[in-house]
Amino acid sequence: MQTGFSYHSSPLDKKDRIAGLPLDEQIRFGIGAIHQLNETLQLSTAFQWNHSGSADLKNSHVKGHYQNNDIFFLMFDVNFKKLPWSGKATF
């Protein structure tokens, strides 16, 4: 099992934000699991929630407010230590 948490303050001032990337403070939480199926095959999955704050936009082009600025990531991964069709190590 794996887990993680991070906090980042706002990378941009209100006057420098754009509507395409309205970042404010960022809070991230993730959880995942890795399972070694056998000596050559490993399976993993993870979920991450990224809250990018409640960003205010206030520049000469756009004025507004982003209230629900969340992104969700879901990942599945399969790792082989050896190529299954060759029997040779990949490294």
Protein backbone atom coordinates (compact mmCIF):
# COMPACT_ATOMS: atom_id res chain seq x y z
CA MET A 1 0.00 0.00 0.00
CA GLN A 2 1.11 3.56 -0.69
CA THR A 3 -0.24 6.95 0.29
CA GLY A 4 0.84 10.55 -0.03
CA PHE A 5 -0.18 14.13 0.73
CA SER A 6 1.19 17.46 -0.44
CA TYR A 7 0.40 21.17 -0.15
CA HIS A 8 1.64 23.94 -2.44
CA SER A 9 0.93 27.64 -2.08
CA SER A 10 -0.39 29.53 -5.09
CA PRO A 11 2.17 29.71 -7.93
CA LEU A 12 0.47 32.77 -9.51
CA ASP A 13 -0.96 36.10 -8.42
CA LYS A 14 -4.59 36.88 -9.32
CA LYS A 15 -3.47 39.25 -12.07
CA ASP A 16 -1.32 36.54 -13.73
CA ARG A 17 -3.88 33.71 -13.80
CA ILE A 18 -5.56 32.60 -17.01
CA ALA A 19 -8.86 30.76 -17.45
CA GLY A 20 -7.09 27.75 -19.02
CA LEU A 21 -5.01 27.13 -15.87
CA PRO A 22 -6.68 28.80 -12.86
CA LEU A 23 -4.33 27.54 -10.14
CA ASP A 24 -4.51 28.73 -6.56
CA GLU A 25 -3.18 26.79 -3.58
CA GLN A 26 -2.96 23.07 -4.34
CA ILE A 27 -3.77 20.18 -2.03
CA ARG A 28 -3.07 16.64 -3.27
CA PHE A 29 -3.90 13.28 -1.75
CA GLY A 30 -3.10 9.92 -3.27
CA ILE A 31 -3.49 6.26 -2.42
CA GLY A 32 -2.31 3.18 -4.27
CA ALA A 33 -1.37 -0.47 -4.09
CA ILE A 34 1.23 -2.72 -5.71
CA HIS A 35 0.86 -6.48 -6.01
CA GLN A 36 3.67 -8.81 -7.12
CA LEU A 37 1.71 -11.44 -9.04
CA ASN A 38 4.75 -13.65 -9.67
CA GLU A 39 8.52 -13.21 -10.13
CA THR A 40 8.13 -11.43 -13.49
CA LEU A 41 4.78 -9.63 -13.28
CA GLN A 42 3.77 -6.73 -11.04
CA LEU A 43 0.34 -5.00 -11.02
CA SER A 44 -0.38 -1.61 -9.49
CA THR A 45 -3.20 0.89 -9.21
CA ALA A 46 -3.45 4.39 -7.75
CA PHE A 47 -5.93 7.22 -7.27
CA GLN A 48 -5.05 10.90 -6.76
CA TRP A 49 -7.24 13.88 -5.89
CA ASN A 50 -5.83 17.29 -6.76
CA HIS A 51 -7.66 20.34 -5.40
CA SER A 52 -6.34 23.45 -7.16
CA GLY A 53 -8.00 25.94 -4.83
CA SER A 54 -10.77 28.46 -5.33
CA ALA A 55 -8.98 30.69 -7.80
CA ASP A 56 -9.96 34.28 -8.49
CA LEU A 57 -9.16 35.63 -11.95
CA LYS A 58 -8.63 39.36 -12.04
CA ASN A 59 -6.63 40.63 -14.99
CA SER A 60 -7.26 42.93 -17.94
CA HIS A 61 -8.86 40.15 -20.03
CA VAL A 62 -10.88 38.00 -17.61
CA LYS A 63 -12.56 38.46 -14.25
CA GLY A 64 -14.15 35.52 -12.43
CA HIS A 65 -13.98 32.86 -9.75
CA TYR A 66 -13.36 29.10 -9.93
CA GLN A 67 -15.03 27.39 -6.98
CA ASN A 68 -14.81 23.61 -7.66
CA ASN A 69 -11.36 23.31 -9.15
CA ASP A 70 -10.67 19.58 -8.66
CA ILE A 71 -8.88 17.02 -10.83
CA PHE A 72 -9.06 13.25 -10.28
CA PHE A 73 -6.46 10.78 -11.59
CA LEU A 74 -6.86 7.01 -11.82
CA MET A 75 -3.89 4.86 -12.86
CA PHE A 76 -3.42 1.17 -13.66
CA ASP A 77 0.01 -0.26 -14.41
CA VAL A 78 1.50 -3.61 -15.46
CA ASN A 79 5.27 -4.13 -15.10
CA PHE A 80 7.26 -7.02 -16.53
CA LYS A 81 10.74 -7.83 -15.18
CA LYS A 82 11.35 -9.99 -18.25
CA LEU A 83 9.76 -9.84 -21.66
CA PRO A 84 7.19 -12.67 -21.53
CA TRP A 85 7.86 -13.80 -25.13
CA SER A 86 11.69 -13.79 -25.05
CA GLY A 87 12.77 -14.93 -21.60
CA LYS A 88 15.41 -12.17 -21.62
CA ALA A 89 15.67 -9.48 -18.96
CA THR A 90 14.58 -5.98 -20.07
CA PHE A 91 17.55 -4.28 -18.36
